[in-house]
Protein backbone atom coordinates (compact mmCIF):
# COMPACT_ATOMS: atom_id res chain seq x y z
CA GLN A 1 28.30 -92.24 -120.06
CA LEU A 2 28.62 -93.07 -123.75
CA GLN A 3 32.00 -93.85 -125.31
CA ALA A 4 32.13 -94.33 -129.07
CA SER A 5 35.02 -96.08 -130.80
CA GLY A 6 35.92 -97.95 -133.95
CA GLY A 7 36.28 -95.09 -136.38
CA GLY A 8 39.22 -94.72 -138.69
CA LEU A 9 40.38 -94.54 -142.27
CA VAL A 10 38.96 -97.05 -144.73
CA GLN A 11 38.93 -97.36 -148.50
CA ALA A 12 35.74 -96.99 -150.47
CA GLY A 13 33.87 -100.26 -150.54
CA GLY A 14 35.25 -101.29 -147.19
CA SER A 15 33.59 -101.88 -143.84
CA LEU A 16 33.85 -100.65 -140.28
CA ARG A 17 32.08 -101.54 -137.08
CA LEU A 18 31.53 -98.77 -134.58
CA SER A 19 30.98 -99.49 -130.92
CA CYS A 20 29.39 -97.39 -128.22
CA ALA A 21 29.98 -98.42 -124.62
CA ALA A 22 26.97 -97.32 -122.62
CA SER A 23 28.03 -97.68 -119.02
CA GLY A 24 25.25 -97.19 -116.54
CA PHE A 25 22.47 -97.86 -119.02
CA THR A 26 20.21 -100.88 -119.40
CA LEU A 27 19.98 -100.84 -123.16
CA ASP A 28 16.62 -102.54 -123.55
CA HIS A 29 15.04 -99.79 -121.46
CA TYR A 30 15.86 -97.03 -123.93
CA ALA A 31 15.91 -96.04 -127.58
CA ILE A 32 19.43 -96.10 -128.99
CA GLY A 33 20.67 -94.51 -132.17
CA TRP A 34 23.53 -93.49 -134.39
CA PHE A 35 23.95 -90.12 -136.06
CA ARG A 36 26.71 -88.47 -138.06
CA GLN A 37 27.84 -84.98 -138.90
CA ALA A 38 29.96 -84.10 -141.91
CA PRO A 39 31.87 -80.81 -142.13
CA GLY A 40 29.53 -77.94 -142.90
CA LYS A 41 26.45 -80.11 -142.58
CA GLU A 42 23.81 -80.70 -139.90
CA ARG A 43 23.79 -83.80 -137.76
CA GLU A 44 22.06 -86.59 -139.64
CA PHE A 45 20.05 -89.52 -138.30
CA LEU A 46 21.32 -92.92 -139.43
CA ALA A 47 19.77 -95.75 -137.43
CA SER A 48 17.83 -96.46 -134.27
CA MET A 49 16.61 -99.34 -132.17
CA ILE A 50 13.84 -99.01 -129.62
CA SER A 51 13.49 -101.00 -126.43
CA ASN A 52 11.69 -103.95 -128.07
CA GLY A 53 14.41 -104.31 -130.70
CA LEU A 54 12.57 -102.71 -133.60
CA THR A 55 14.98 -100.89 -135.90
CA ASN A 56 14.72 -97.94 -138.26
CA TYR A 57 17.18 -96.65 -140.83
CA ALA A 58 17.72 -93.56 -142.92
CA ASP A 59 17.26 -94.19 -146.62
CA SER A 60 20.88 -93.19 -147.23
CA VAL A 61 22.20 -96.17 -145.25
CA LYS A 62 19.42 -98.73 -145.52
CA GLY A 63 20.84 -102.06 -146.66
CA ARG A 64 24.43 -100.99 -145.89
CA PHE A 65 24.39 -100.19 -142.16
CA ALA A 66 23.05 -102.29 -139.29
CA ILE A 67 22.48 -101.28 -135.69
CA SER A 68 22.66 -103.86 -132.93
CA ARG A 69 23.10 -104.07 -129.19
CA ASP A 70 24.62 -106.39 -126.66
CA ILE A 71 22.58 -105.88 -123.53
CA ARG A 72 24.95 -107.86 -121.32
CA LYS A 73 27.98 -105.88 -122.50
CA LYS A 74 26.04 -102.59 -122.46
CA THR A 75 27.34 -101.87 -125.95
CA VAL A 76 25.69 -100.56 -129.10
CA TYR A 77 27.13 -101.33 -132.52
CA LEU A 78 26.88 -99.90 -136.00
CA GLN A 79 28.08 -102.23 -138.74
CA MET A 80 28.86 -100.20 -141.85
CA ASN A 81 29.42 -101.91 -145.20
CA ASN A 82 30.12 -100.72 -148.73
CA LEU A 83 31.34 -97.36 -147.49
CA THR A 84 31.69 -94.39 -149.84
CA ALA A 85 33.38 -91.01 -149.54
CA GLU A 86 29.96 -89.54 -148.70
CA ASP A 87 30.01 -91.53 -145.46
CA THR A 88 32.97 -89.49 -144.18
CA ALA A 89 31.83 -87.79 -140.98
CA VAL A 90 32.01 -87.82 -137.21
CA TYR A 91 29.70 -90.54 -135.92
CA TYR A 92 27.79 -90.20 -132.65
CA CYS A 93 25.82 -92.65 -130.56
CA ASN A 94 22.72 -91.57 -128.71
CA ILE A 95 20.51 -92.92 -125.96
CA ARG A 96 17.08 -91.46 -125.35
CA GLY A 97 14.51 -92.01 -122.64
CA ALA A 98 11.73 -90.16 -120.86
CA ARG A 99 13.67 -90.07 -117.60
CA ILE A 100 17.14 -89.39 -119.00
CA GLY A 101 16.40 -87.20 -122.01
CA ASP A 102 19.02 -87.28 -124.79
CA LYS A 103 22.52 -88.54 -124.03
CA TRP A 104 25.34 -88.27 -126.58
CA GLY A 105 28.73 -89.87 -126.93
CA GLN A 106 31.81 -87.86 -127.89
CA GLY A 107 31.90 -88.99 -131.53
CA THR A 108 34.32 -91.03 -133.57
CA GLN A 109 35.77 -89.96 -136.92
CA VAL A 110 35.17 -92.09 -140.00
CA THR A 111 37.09 -91.19 -143.14
CA VAL A 112 36.49 -93.03 -146.40
CA SER A 113 39.09 -92.59 -149.12
CA SER A 114 37.96 -92.86 -152.71
């Protein structure tokens, strides 16, 4: 089960840290990721980390967002800095593996006021 949290209302230029509690998963066995979906738009890839810790970011968030994991706490994080109104969306965490397929959290709303 994936449980995302940490969303909210923030002013442009501010920061938020999203968390995703991944109960039942050993995080270094899977690829983990963050996506977002704005109203009227398709779900968009933001960041990922594979089992060995290698990360990848979408160009739109590179240098502003950072994905991390705490294996002991079974939690995935997305640190978001220098937020803009264009970052307003519902944010989803994802875990992917050959045996489990794609697992999604319920999403957490991030609203950036300009």
